[in-house]
Amino acid sequence: MSVPASQARHPPHLRLVRSSLQPVSPADPDAGWRRVATAILTSTWNVSRFLHEQRWGRVHEEISERRELLGFMRAMQLDANGRAALRALDEAALESERAIASMMGESR
């Protein structure tokens, strides 16, 4: 197929649909830590699922991934809500790891 001659001579143009001369600010500064917190909660859910399915190797992998995510969240600049969420997630992770360790110790 060939391109019509009128289009071949002129490169395509971008059309400006909407503009503002104001600088764009980030949509939500909380969004970063909230995404990481959601990933930590998902990881915790995965740990419980793998425990239920007795997939012990995956349990340890998921716990290590959750620790990595918690470390990543600790390195972020957090507001008061973010710090409170981190504290709660950290405490919950420690509690679940202790429970898993005692379960594994009892089953061996």
PDB file of N, CA and C in Angstrom:
ATOM      1  N   MET A   1       0.836  -1.183   0.000  1.00  0.00           N
ATOM      2  CA  MET A   1       0.000   0.000   0.000  1.00  0.00           C
ATOM      3  C   MET A   1       0.874   1.236   0.000  1.00  0.00           C
ATOM      4  N   SER A   2       0.464   2.182  -0.745  1.00  0.00           N
ATOM      5  CA  SER A   2       1.224   3.423  -0.785  1.00  0.00           C
ATOM      6  C   SER A   2       0.479   4.497   0.001  1.00  0.00           C
ATOM      7  N   VAL A   3       1.232   5.471   0.439  1.00  0.00           N
ATOM      8  CA  VAL A   3       0.676   6.591   1.193  1.00  0.00           C
ATOM      9  C   VAL A   3       0.254   7.664   0.208  1.00  0.00           C
ATOM     10  N   PRO A   4      -0.906   8.283   0.408  1.00  0.00           N
ATOM     11  CA  PRO A   4      -1.311   9.363  -0.495  1.00  0.00           C
ATOM     12  C   PRO A   4      -0.246  10.461  -0.532  1.00  0.00           C
ATOM     13  N   ALA A   5      -0.089  11.077  -1.656  1.00  0.00           N
ATOM     14  CA  ALA A   5       0.952  12.089  -1.866  1.00  0.00           C
ATOM     15  C   ALA A   5       0.836  13.244  -0.882  1.00  0.00           C
ATOM     16  N   SER A   6      -0.374  13.644  -0.525  1.00  0.00           N
ATOM     17  CA  SER A   6      -0.532  14.772   0.398  1.00  0.00           C
ATOM     18  C   SER A   6       0.005  14.439   1.782  1.00  0.00           C
ATOM     19  N   GLN A   7      -0.086  13.184   2.210  1.00  0.00           N
ATOM     20  CA  GLN A   7       0.424  12.799   3.522  1.00  0.00           C
ATOM     21  C   GLN A   7       1.916  12.514   3.482  1.00  0.00           C
ATOM     22  N   ALA A   8       2.431  12.095   2.378  1.00  0.00           N
ATOM     23  CA  ALA A   8       3.844  11.746   2.263  1.00  0.00           C
ATOM     24  C   ALA A   8       4.737  12.969   2.387  1.00  0.00           C
ATOM     25  N   ARG A   9       4.275  14.141   1.969  1.00  0.00           N
ATOM     26  CA  ARG A   9       5.100  15.349   1.990  1.00  0.00           C
ATOM     27  C   ARG A   9       5.216  15.948   3.389  1.00  0.00           C
ATOM     28  N   HIS A  10       4.199  15.785   4.207  1.00  0.00           N
ATOM     29  CA  HIS A  10       4.179  16.414   5.526  1.00  0.00           C
ATOM     30  C   HIS A  10       4.215  15.348   6.618  1.00  0.00           C
ATOM     31  N   PRO A  11       5.154  15.484   7.530  1.00  0.00           N
ATOM     32  CA  PRO A  11       5.193  14.514   8.630  1.00  0.00           C
ATOM     33  C   PRO A  11       3.958  14.702   9.524  1.00  0.00           C
ATOM     34  N   PRO A  12       3.557  13.683  10.251  1.00  0.00           N
ATOM     35  CA  PRO A  12       2.380  13.821  11.113  1.00  0.00           C
ATOM     36  C   PRO A  12       2.642  14.853  12.212  1.00  0.00           C
ATOM     37  N   HIS A  13       1.615  15.553  12.592  1.00  0.00           N
ATOM     38  CA  HIS A  13       1.712  16.579  13.624  1.00  0.00           C
ATOM     39  C   HIS A  13       1.028  16.107  14.888  1.00  0.00           C
ATOM     40  N   LEU A  14       1.574  16.530  16.009  1.00  0.00           N
ATOM     41  CA  LEU A  14       0.911  16.279  17.278  1.00  0.00           C
ATOM     42  C   LEU A  14      -0.025  17.437  17.551  1.00  0.00           C
ATOM     43  N   ARG A  15      -1.201  17.123  17.992  1.00  0.00           N
ATOM     44  CA  ARG A  15      -2.168  18.162  18.289  1.00  0.00           C
ATOM     45  C   ARG A  15      -2.300  18.290  19.803  1.00  0.00           C
ATOM     46  N   LEU A  16      -2.216  19.485  20.307  1.00  0.00           N
ATOM     47  CA  LEU A  16      -2.361  19.758  21.726  1.00  0.00           C
ATOM     48  C   LEU A  16      -3.843  19.763  22.062  1.00  0.00           C
ATOM     49  N   VAL A  17      -4.234  18.863  22.926  1.00  0.00           N
ATOM     50  CA  VAL A  17      -5.649  18.739  23.255  1.00  0.00           C
ATOM     51  C   VAL A  17      -6.005  19.634  24.430  1.00  0.00           C
ATOM     52  N   ARG A  18      -5.187  19.617  25.465  1.00  0.00           N
ATOM     53  CA  ARG A  18      -5.453  20.424  26.644  1.00  0.00           C
ATOM     54  C   ARG A  18      -4.120  20.831  27.245  1.00  0.00           C
ATOM     55  N   SER A  19      -4.050  22.052  27.748  1.00  0.00           N
ATOM     56  CA  SER A  19      -2.788  22.517  28.284  1.00  0.00           C
ATOM     57  C   SER A  19      -3.018  23.449  29.449  1.00  0.00           C
ATOM     58  N   SER A  20      -1.999  23.503  30.275  1.00  0.00           N
ATOM     59  CA  SER A  20      -1.971  24.457  31.369  1.00  0.00           C
ATOM     60  C   SER A  20      -0.520  24.881  31.512  1.00  0.00           C
ATOM     61  N   LEU A  21      -0.292  26.110  31.767  1.00  0.00           N
ATOM     62  CA  LEU A  21       1.079  26.574  31.923  1.00  0.00           C
ATOM     63  C   LEU A  21       1.596  26.340  33.341  1.00  0.00           C
ATOM     64  N   GLN A  22       0.750  25.805  34.214  1.00  0.00           N
ATOM     65  CA  GLN A  22       1.144  25.518  35.590  1.00  0.00           C
ATOM     66  C   GLN A  22       1.909  24.193  35.639  1.00  0.00           C
ATOM     67  N   PRO A  23       2.951  24.123  36.478  1.00  0.00           N
ATOM     68  CA  PRO A  23       3.667  22.847  36.605  1.00  0.00           C
ATOM     69  C   PRO A  23       2.749  21.784  37.220  1.00  0.00           C
ATOM     70  N   VAL A  24       2.951  20.564  36.827  1.00  0.00           N
ATOM     71  CA  VAL A  24       2.133  19.465  37.318  1.00  0.00           C
ATOM     72  C   VAL A  24       2.770  18.911  38.580  1.00  0.00           C
ATOM     73  N   SER A  25       1.973  18.819  39.630  1.00  0.00           N
ATOM     74  CA  SER A  25       2.467  18.227  40.878  1.00  0.00           C
ATOM     75  C   SER A  25       2.090  16.753  40.906  1.00  0.00           C
ATOM     76  N   PRO A  26       2.802  15.983  41.717  1.00  0.00           N
ATOM     77  CA  PRO A  26       2.456  14.563  41.808  1.00  0.00           C
ATOM     78  C   PRO A  26       1.009  14.401  42.265  1.00  0.00           C
ATOM     79  N   ALA A  27       0.354  13.390  41.770  1.00  0.00           N
ATOM     80  CA  ALA A  27      -1.061  13.191  42.068  1.00  0.00           C
ATOM     81  C   ALA A  27      -1.311  13.020  43.560  1.00  0.00           C
ATOM     82  N   ASP A  28      -0.572  12.166  44.199  1.00  0.00           N
ATOM     83  CA  ASP A  28      -0.772  11.920  45.620  1.00  0.00           C
ATOM     84  C   ASP A  28       0.553  11.505  46.230  1.00  0.00           C
ATOM     85  N   PRO A  29       1.108  12.318  47.127  1.00  0.00           N
ATOM     86  CA  PRO A  29       2.405  11.950  47.706  1.00  0.00           C
ATOM     87  C   PRO A  29       2.335  10.679  48.547  1.00  0.00           C
ATOM     88  N   ASP A  30       1.153  10.343  49.054  1.00  0.00           N
ATOM     89  CA  ASP A  30       1.000   9.124  49.853  1.00  0.00           C
ATOM     90  C   ASP A  30       0.988   7.863  49.004  1.00  0.00           C
ATOM     91  N   ALA A  31       0.782   8.006  47.718  1.00  0.00           N
ATOM     92  CA  ALA A  31       0.576   6.846  46.850  1.00  0.00           C
ATOM     93  C   ALA A  31       1.749   5.875  46.887  1.00  0.00           C
ATOM     94  N   GLY A  32       2.971   6.357  47.000  1.00  0.00           N
ATOM     95  CA  GLY A  32       4.142   5.480  46.992  1.00  0.00           C
ATOM     96  C   GLY A  32       4.159   4.515  48.157  1.00  0.00           C
ATOM     97  N   TRP A  33       4.048   5.040  49.377  1.00  0.00           N
ATOM     98  CA  TRP A  33       4.092   4.140  50.528  1.00  0.00           C
ATOM     99  C   TRP A  33       2.838   3.283  50.612  1.00  0.00           C
ATOM    100  N   ARG A  34       1.718   3.807  50.122  1.00  0.00           N
ATOM    101  CA  ARG A  34       0.490   3.003  50.144  1.00  0.00           C
ATOM    102  C   ARG A  34       0.609   1.794  49.208  1.00  0.00           C
ATOM    103  N   ARG A  35       1.268   1.966  48.080  1.00  0.00           N
ATOM    104  CA  ARG A  35       1.482   0.835  47.163  1.00  0.00           C
ATOM    105  C   ARG A  35       2.378  -0.221  47.801  1.00  0.00           C
ATOM    106  N   VAL A  36       3.436   0.236  48.479  1.00  0.00           N
ATOM    107  CA  VAL A  36       4.341  -0.706  49.145  1.00  0.00           C
ATOM    108  C   VAL A  36       3.597  -1.418  50.271  1.00  0.00           C
ATOM    109  N   ALA A  37       2.790  -0.676  51.046  1.00  0.00           N
ATOM    110  CA  ALA A  37       2.014  -1.287  52.124  1.00  0.00           C
ATOM    111  C   ALA A  37       1.049  -2.333  51.574  1.00  0.00           C
ATOM    112  N   THR A  38       0.445  -2.042  50.439  1.00  0.00           N
ATOM    113  CA  THR A  38      -0.456  -3.011  49.811  1.00  0.00           C
ATOM    114  C   THR A  38       0.307  -4.260  49.388  1.00  0.00           C
ATOM    115  N   ALA A  39       1.519  -4.075  48.876  1.00  0.00           N
ATOM    116  CA  ALA A  39       2.345  -5.229  48.495  1.00  0.00           C
ATOM    117  C   ALA A  39       2.717  -6.061  49.725  1.00  0.00           C
ATOM    118  N   ILE A  40       2.960  -5.403  50.856  1.00  0.00           N
ATOM    119  CA  ILE A  40       3.276  -6.119  52.091  1.00  0.00           C
ATOM    120  C   ILE A  40       2.063  -6.922  52.555  1.00  0.00           C
ATOM    121  N   LEU A  41       0.881  -6.319  52.485  1.00  0.00           N
ATOM    122  CA  LEU A  41      -0.338  -7.043  52.864  1.00  0.00           C
ATOM    123  C   LEU A  41      -0.589  -8.231  51.939  1.00  0.00           C
ATOM    124  N   THR A  42      -0.342  -8.043  50.657  1.00  0.00           N
ATOM    125  CA  THR A  42      -0.496  -9.138  49.700  1.00  0.00           C
ATOM    126  C   THR A  42       0.482 -10.257  50.011  1.00  0.00           C
ATOM    127  N   SER A  43       1.693  -9.891  50.356  1.00  0.00           N
ATOM    128  CA  SER A  43       2.703 -10.877  50.710  1.00  0.00           C
ATOM    129  C   SER A  43       2.278 -11.647  51.963  1.00  0.00           C
ATOM    130  N   THR A  44       1.712 -10.948  52.932  1.00  0.00           N
ATOM    131  CA  THR A  44       1.234 -11.611  54.152  1.00  0.00           C
ATOM    132  C   THR A  44       0.114 -12.590  53.815  1.00  0.00           C
ATOM    133  N   TRP A  45      -0.780 -12.186  52.918  1.00  0.00           N
ATOM    134  CA  TRP A  45      -1.855 -13.083  52.500  1.00  0.00           C
ATOM    135  C   TRP A  45      -1.273 -14.319  51.820  1.00  0.00           C
ATOM    136  N   ASN A  46      -0.236 -14.114  50.997  1.00  0.00           N
ATOM    137  CA  ASN A  46       0.417 -15.243  50.320  1.00  0.00           C
ATOM    138  C   ASN A  46       1.052 -16.198  51.327  1.00  0.00           C
ATOM    139  N   VAL A  47       1.658 -15.644  52.398  1.00  0.00           N
ATOM    140  CA  VAL A  47       2.259 -16.494  53.430  1.00  0.00           C
ATOM    141  C   VAL A  47       1.186 -17.399  54.029  1.00  0.00           C
ATOM    142  N   SER A  48       0.031 -16.828  54.369  1.00  0.00           N
ATOM    143  CA  SER A  48      -1.026 -17.645  54.976  1.00  0.00           C
ATOM    144  C   SER A  48      -1.547 -18.693  53.991  1.00  0.00           C
ATOM    145  N   ARG A  49      -1.638 -18.326  52.718  1.00  0.00           N
ATOM    146  CA  ARG A  49      -2.097 -19.283  51.706  1.00  0.00           C
ATOM    147  C   ARG A  49      -1.109 -20.426  51.561  1.00  0.00           C
ATOM    148  N   PHE A  50       0.194 -20.101  51.515  1.00  0.00           N
ATOM    149  CA  PHE A  50       1.205 -21.146  51.375  1.00  0.00           C
ATOM    150  C   PHE A  50       1.263 -22.030  52.619  1.00  0.00           C
ATOM    151  N   LEU A  51       1.026 -21.456  53.783  1.00  0.00           N
ATOM    152  CA  LEU A  51       0.962 -22.273  54.996  1.00  0.00           C
ATOM    153  C   LEU A  51      -0.202 -23.255  54.912  1.00  0.00           C
ATOM    154  N   HIS A  52      -1.332 -22.748  54.467  1.00  0.00           N
ATOM    155  CA  HIS A  52      -2.513 -23.592  54.350  1.00  0.00           C
ATOM    156  C   HIS A  52      -2.284 -24.720  53.343  1.00  0.00           C
ATOM    157  N   GLU A  53      -1.583 -24.409  52.262  1.00  0.00           N
ATOM    158  CA  GLU A  53      -1.300 -25.417  51.229  1.00  0.00           C
ATOM    159  C   GLU A  53      -0.084 -26.269  51.571  1.00  0.00           C
ATOM    160  N   GLN A  54       0.554 -25.990  52.700  1.00  0.00           N
ATOM    161  CA  GLN A  54       1.757 -26.694  53.169  1.00  0.00           C
ATOM    162  C   GLN A  54       2.895 -26.647  52.150  1.00  0.00           C
ATOM    163  N   ARG A  55       3.068 -25.480  51.568  1.00  0.00           N
ATOM    164  CA  ARG A  55       4.171 -25.256  50.619  1.00  0.00           C
ATOM    165  C   ARG A  55       5.274 -24.517  51.376  1.00  0.00           C
ATOM    166  N   TRP A  56       6.033 -25.251  52.161  1.00  0.00           N
ATOM    167  CA  TRP A  56       6.980 -24.676  53.114  1.00  0.00           C
ATOM    168  C   TRP A  56       8.061 -23.843  52.449  1.00  0.00           C
ATOM    169  N   GLY A  57       8.569 -24.285  51.311  1.00  0.00           N
ATOM    170  CA  GLY A  57       9.602 -23.510  50.612  1.00  0.00           C
ATOM    171  C   GLY A  57       9.093 -22.136  50.191  1.00  0.00           C
ATOM    172  N   ARG A  58       7.876 -22.111  49.707  1.00  0.00           N
ATOM    173  CA  ARG A  58       7.281 -20.828  49.293  1.00  0.00           C
ATOM    174  C   ARG A  58       7.022 -19.920  50.498  1.00  0.00           C
ATOM    175  N   VAL A  59       6.714 -20.512  51.662  1.00  0.00           N
ATOM    176  CA  VAL A  59       6.494 -19.715  52.870  1.00  0.00           C
ATOM    177  C   VAL A  59       7.754 -18.910  53.174  1.00  0.00           C
ATOM    178  N   HIS A  60       8.901 -19.588  53.171  1.00  0.00           N
ATOM    179  CA  HIS A  60      10.159 -18.898  53.484  1.00  0.00           C
ATOM    180  C   HIS A  60      10.518 -17.858  52.426  1.00  0.00           C
ATOM    181  N   GLU A  61      10.267 -18.161  51.171  1.00  0.00           N
ATOM    182  CA  GLU A  61      10.530 -17.172  50.110  1.00  0.00           C
ATOM    183  C   GLU A  61       9.661 -15.930  50.291  1.00  0.00           C
ATOM    184  N   GLU A  62       8.398 -16.151  50.609  1.00  0.00           N
ATOM    185  CA  GLU A  62       7.462 -15.024  50.756  1.00  0.00           C
ATOM    186  C   GLU A  62       7.790 -14.195  51.996  1.00  0.00           C
ATOM    187  N   ILE A  63       8.218 -14.842  53.062  1.00  0.00           N
ATOM    188  CA  ILE A  63       8.624 -14.104  54.267  1.00  0.00           C
ATOM    189  C   ILE A  63       9.827 -13.231  53.953  1.00  0.00           C
ATOM    190  N   SER A  64      10.781 -13.770  53.204  1.00  0.00           N
ATOM    191  CA  SER A  64      11.957 -12.970  52.864  1.00  0.00           C
ATOM    192  C   SER A  64      11.592 -11.813  51.939  1.00  0.00           C
ATOM    193  N   GLU A  65      10.635 -12.041  51.031  1.00  0.00           N
ATOM    194  CA  GLU A  65      10.177 -10.947  50.173  1.00  0.00           C
ATOM    195  C   GLU A  65       9.469  -9.872  50.997  1.00  0.00           C
ATOM    196  N   ARG A  66       8.686 -10.297  51.968  1.00  0.00           N
ATOM    197  CA  ARG A  66       7.992  -9.336  52.828  1.00  0.00           C
ATOM    198  C   ARG A  66       8.997  -8.510  53.632  1.00  0.00           C
ATOM    199  N   ARG A  67      10.054  -9.152  54.125  1.00  0.00           N
ATOM    200  CA  ARG A  67      11.100  -8.413  54.854  1.00  0.00           C
ATOM    201  C   ARG A  67      11.753  -7.368  53.949  1.00  0.00           C
ATOM    202  N   GLU A  68      11.984  -7.751  52.706  1.00  0.00           N
ATOM    203  CA  GLU A  68      12.576  -6.829  51.739  1.00  0.00           C
ATOM    204  C   GLU A  68      11.661  -5.627  51.499  1.00  0.00           C
ATOM    205  N   LEU A  69      10.369  -5.888  51.357  1.00  0.00           N
ATOM    206  CA  LEU A  69       9.403  -4.802  51.167  1.00  0.00           C
ATOM    207  C   LEU A  69       9.338  -3.889  52.395  1.00  0.00           C
ATOM    208  N   LEU A  70       9.394  -4.478  53.579  1.00  0.00           N
ATOM    209  CA  LEU A  70       9.400  -3.663  54.802  1.00  0.00           C
ATOM    210  C   LEU A  70      10.656  -2.791  54.857  1.00  0.00           C
ATOM    211  N   GLY A  71      11.789  -3.350  54.462  1.00  0.00           N
ATOM    212  CA  GLY A  71      13.023  -2.563  54.412  1.00  0.00           C
ATOM    213  C   GLY A  71      12.933  -1.424  53.417  1.00  0.00           C
ATOM    214  N   PHE A  72      12.310  -1.695  52.289  1.00  0.00           N
ATOM    215  CA  PHE A  72      12.112  -0.663  51.271  1.00  0.00           C
ATOM    216  C   PHE A  72      11.221   0.448  51.816  1.00  0.00           C
ATOM    217  N   MET A  73      10.164   0.055  52.533  1.00  0.00           N
ATOM    218  CA  MET A  73       9.250   1.062  53.097  1.00  0.00           C
ATOM    219  C   MET A  73       9.942   1.882  54.185  1.00  0.00           C
ATOM    220  N   ARG A  74      10.809   1.228  54.975  1.00  0.00           N
ATOM    221  CA  ARG A  74      11.562   1.951  56.013  1.00  0.00           C
ATOM    222  C   ARG A  74      12.446   3.042  55.403  1.00  0.00           C
ATOM    223  N   ALA A  75      12.949   2.799  54.204  1.00  0.00           N
ATOM    224  CA  ALA A  75      13.859   3.748  53.551  1.00  0.00           C
ATOM    225  C   ALA A  75      13.117   4.928  52.924  1.00  0.00           C
ATOM    226  N   MET A  76      11.795   4.831  52.825  1.00  0.00           N
ATOM    227  CA  MET A  76      11.015   5.896  52.194  1.00  0.00           C
ATOM    228  C   MET A  76      10.806   7.053  53.172  1.00  0.00           C
ATOM    229  N   GLN A  77      10.576   8.235  52.617  1.00  0.00           N
ATOM    230  CA  GLN A  77      10.199   9.376  53.443  1.00  0.00           C
ATOM    231  C   GLN A  77       8.701   9.279  53.685  1.00  0.00           C
ATOM    232  N   LEU A  78       8.328   9.062  54.955  1.00  0.00           N
ATOM    233  CA  LEU A  78       6.933   8.813  55.292  1.00  0.00           C
ATOM    234  C   LEU A  78       6.362   9.945  56.124  1.00  0.00           C
ATOM    235  N   ASP A  79       5.074  10.197  55.939  1.00  0.00           N
ATOM    236  CA  ASP A  79       4.377  11.141  56.802  1.00  0.00           C
ATOM    237  C   ASP A  79       3.912  10.376  58.049  1.00  0.00           C
ATOM    238  N   ALA A  80       3.122  11.022  58.899  1.00  0.00           N
ATOM    239  CA  ALA A  80       2.675  10.389  60.145  1.00  0.00           C
ATOM    240  C   ALA A  80       1.860   9.121  59.865  1.00  0.00           C
ATOM    241  N   ASN A  81       0.992   9.173  58.869  1.00  0.00           N
ATOM    242  CA  ASN A  81       0.202   7.986  58.526  1.00  0.00           C
ATOM    243  C   ASN A  81       1.085   6.856  58.008  1.00  0.00           C
ATOM    244  N   GLY A  82       2.055   7.191  57.212  1.00  0.00           N
ATOM    245  CA  GLY A  82       2.974   6.189  56.683  1.00  0.00           C
ATOM    246  C   GLY A  82       3.792   5.538  57.780  1.00  0.00           C
ATOM    247  N   ARG A  83       4.263   6.358  58.732  1.00  0.00           N
ATOM    248  CA  ARG A  83       5.032   5.805  59.854  1.00  0.00           C
ATOM    249  C   ARG A  83       4.172   4.889  60.716  1.00  0.00           C
ATOM    250  N   ALA A  84       2.924   5.290  60.942  1.00  0.00           N
ATOM    251  CA  ALA A  84       2.015   4.448  61.733  1.00  0.00           C
ATOM    252  C   ALA A  84       1.736   3.133  61.004  1.00  0.00           C
ATOM    253  N   ALA A  85       1.535   3.206  59.697  1.00  0.00           N
ATOM    254  CA  ALA A  85       1.294   1.995  58.908  1.00  0.00           C
ATOM    255  C   ALA A  85       2.519   1.085  58.939  1.00  0.00           C
ATOM    256  N   LEU A  86       3.701   1.660  58.800  1.00  0.00           N
ATOM    257  CA  LEU A  86       4.932   0.869  58.844  1.00  0.00           C
ATOM    258  C   LEU A  86       5.082   0.179  60.193  1.00  0.00           C
ATOM    259  N   ARG A  87       4.828   0.906  61.255  1.00  0.00           N
ATOM    260  CA  ARG A  87       4.937   0.333  62.601  1.00  0.00           C
ATOM    261  C   ARG A  87       3.975  -0.854  62.752  1.00  0.00           C
ATOM    262  N   ALA A  88       2.731  -0.684  62.301  1.00  0.00           N
ATOM    263  CA  ALA A  88       1.744  -1.761  62.412  1.00  0.00           C
ATOM    264  C   ALA A  88       2.121  -2.959  61.545  1.00  0.00           C
ATOM    265  N   LEU A  89       2.569  -2.697  60.322  1.00  0.00           N
ATOM    266  CA  LEU A  89       2.963  -3.793  59.429  1.00  0.00           C
ATOM    267  C   LEU A  89       4.178  -4.533  59.964  1.00  0.00           C
ATOM    268  N   ASP A  90       5.120  -3.789  60.526  1.00  0.00           N
ATOM    269  CA  ASP A  90       6.329  -4.389  61.094  1.00  0.00           C
ATOM    270  C   ASP A  90       5.976  -5.300  62.270  1.00  0.00           C
ATOM    271  N   GLU A  91       5.115  -4.799  63.164  1.00  0.00           N
ATOM    272  CA  GLU A  91       4.711  -5.594  64.327  1.00  0.00           C
ATOM    273  C   GLU A  91       3.946  -6.846  63.892  1.00  0.00           C
ATOM    274  N   ALA A  92       3.064  -6.701  62.914  1.00  0.00           N
ATOM    275  CA  ALA A  92       2.301  -7.850  62.424  1.00  0.00           C
ATOM    276  C   ALA A  92       3.220  -8.889  61.780  1.00  0.00           C
ATOM    277  N   ALA A  93       4.214  -8.416  61.034  1.00  0.00           N
ATOM    278  CA  ALA A  93       5.147  -9.340  60.390  1.00  0.00           C
ATOM    279  C   ALA A  93       5.960 -10.105  61.435  1.00  0.00           C
ATOM    280  N   LEU A  94       6.436  -9.395  62.461  1.00  0.00           N
ATOM    281  CA  LEU A  94       7.192 -10.067  63.520  1.00  0.00           C
ATOM    282  C   LEU A  94       6.336 -11.096  64.244  1.00  0.00           C
ATOM    283  N   GLU A  95       5.105 -10.726  64.538  1.00  0.00           N
ATOM    284  CA  GLU A  95       4.202 -11.646  65.222  1.00  0.00           C
ATOM    285  C   GLU A  95       3.940 -12.892  64.380  1.00  0.00           C
ATOM    286  N   SER A  96       3.715 -12.710  63.079  1.00  0.00           N
ATOM    287  CA  SER A  96       3.452 -13.872  62.229  1.00  0.00           C
ATOM    288  C   SER A  96       4.699 -14.743  62.079  1.00  0.00           C
ATOM    289  N   GLU A  97       5.873 -14.114  62.009  1.00  0.00           N
ATOM    290  CA  GLU A  97       7.103 -14.904  61.902  1.00  0.00           C
ATOM    291  C   GLU A  97       7.356 -15.713  63.161  1.00  0.00           C
ATOM    292  N   ARG A  98       7.056 -15.118  64.316  1.00  0.00           N
ATOM    293  CA  ARG A  98       7.195 -15.877  65.573  1.00  0.00           C
ATOM    294  C   ARG A  98       6.226 -17.054  65.604  1.00  0.00           C
ATOM    295  N   ALA A  99       4.994 -16.826  65.167  1.00  0.00           N
ATOM    296  CA  ALA A  99       3.999 -17.901  65.151  1.00  0.00           C
ATOM    297  C   ALA A  99       4.420 -19.015  64.200  1.00  0.00           C
ATOM    298  N   ILE A 100       4.931 -18.649  63.045  1.00  0.00           N
ATOM    299  CA  ILE A 100       5.375 -19.649  62.066  1.00  0.00           C
ATOM    300  C   ILE A 100       6.560 -20.425  62.616  1.00  0.00           C
ATOM    301  N   ALA A 101       7.497 -19.722  63.258  1.00  0.00           N
ATOM    302  CA  ALA A 101       8.665 -20.395  63.828  1.00  0.00           C
ATOM    303  C   ALA A 101       8.241 -21.393  64.896  1.00  0.00           C
ATOM    304  N   SER A 102       7.274 -21.012  65.739  1.00  0.00           N
ATOM    305  CA  SER A 102       6.835 -21.950  66.766  1.00  0.00           C
ATOM    306  C   SER A 102       6.084 -23.130  66.146  1.00  0.00           C
ATOM    307  N   MET A 103       5.303 -22.880  65.092  1.00  0.00           N
ATOM    308  CA  MET A 103       4.613 -23.977  64.414  1.00  0.00           C
ATOM    309  C   MET A 103       5.614 -24.940  63.783  1.00  0.00           C
ATOM    310  N   MET A 104       6.608 -24.401  63.137  1.00  0.00           N
ATOM    311  CA  MET A 104       7.609 -25.239  62.491  1.00  0.00           C
ATOM    312  C   MET A 104       8.423 -26.011  63.527  1.00  0.00           C
ATOM    313  N   GLY A 105       8.678 -25.376  64.664  1.00  0.00           N
ATOM    314  CA  GLY A 105       9.413 -26.042  65.734  1.00  0.00           C
ATOM    315  C   GLY A 105       8.603 -27.178  66.340  1.00  0.00           C
ATOM    316  N   GLU A 106       7.294 -26.977  66.454  1.00  0.00           N
ATOM    317  CA  GLU A 106       6.422 -28.004  67.022  1.00  0.00           C
ATOM    318  C   GLU A 106       6.228 -29.164  66.070  1.00  0.00           C
ATOM    319  N   SER A 107       6.201 -28.853  64.758  1.00  0.00           N
ATOM    320  CA  SER A 107       5.941 -29.925  63.784  1.00  0.00           C
ATOM    321  C   SER A 107       7.163 -30.785  63.523  1.00  0.00           C
ATOM    322  N   ARG A 108       8.328 -30.315  63.875  1.00  0.00           N
ATOM    323  CA  ARG A 108       9.565 -31.081  63.606  1.00  0.00           C
ATOM    324  C   ARG A 108       9.856 -32.064  64.680  1.00  0.00           C
TER     325      ARG A 108
END
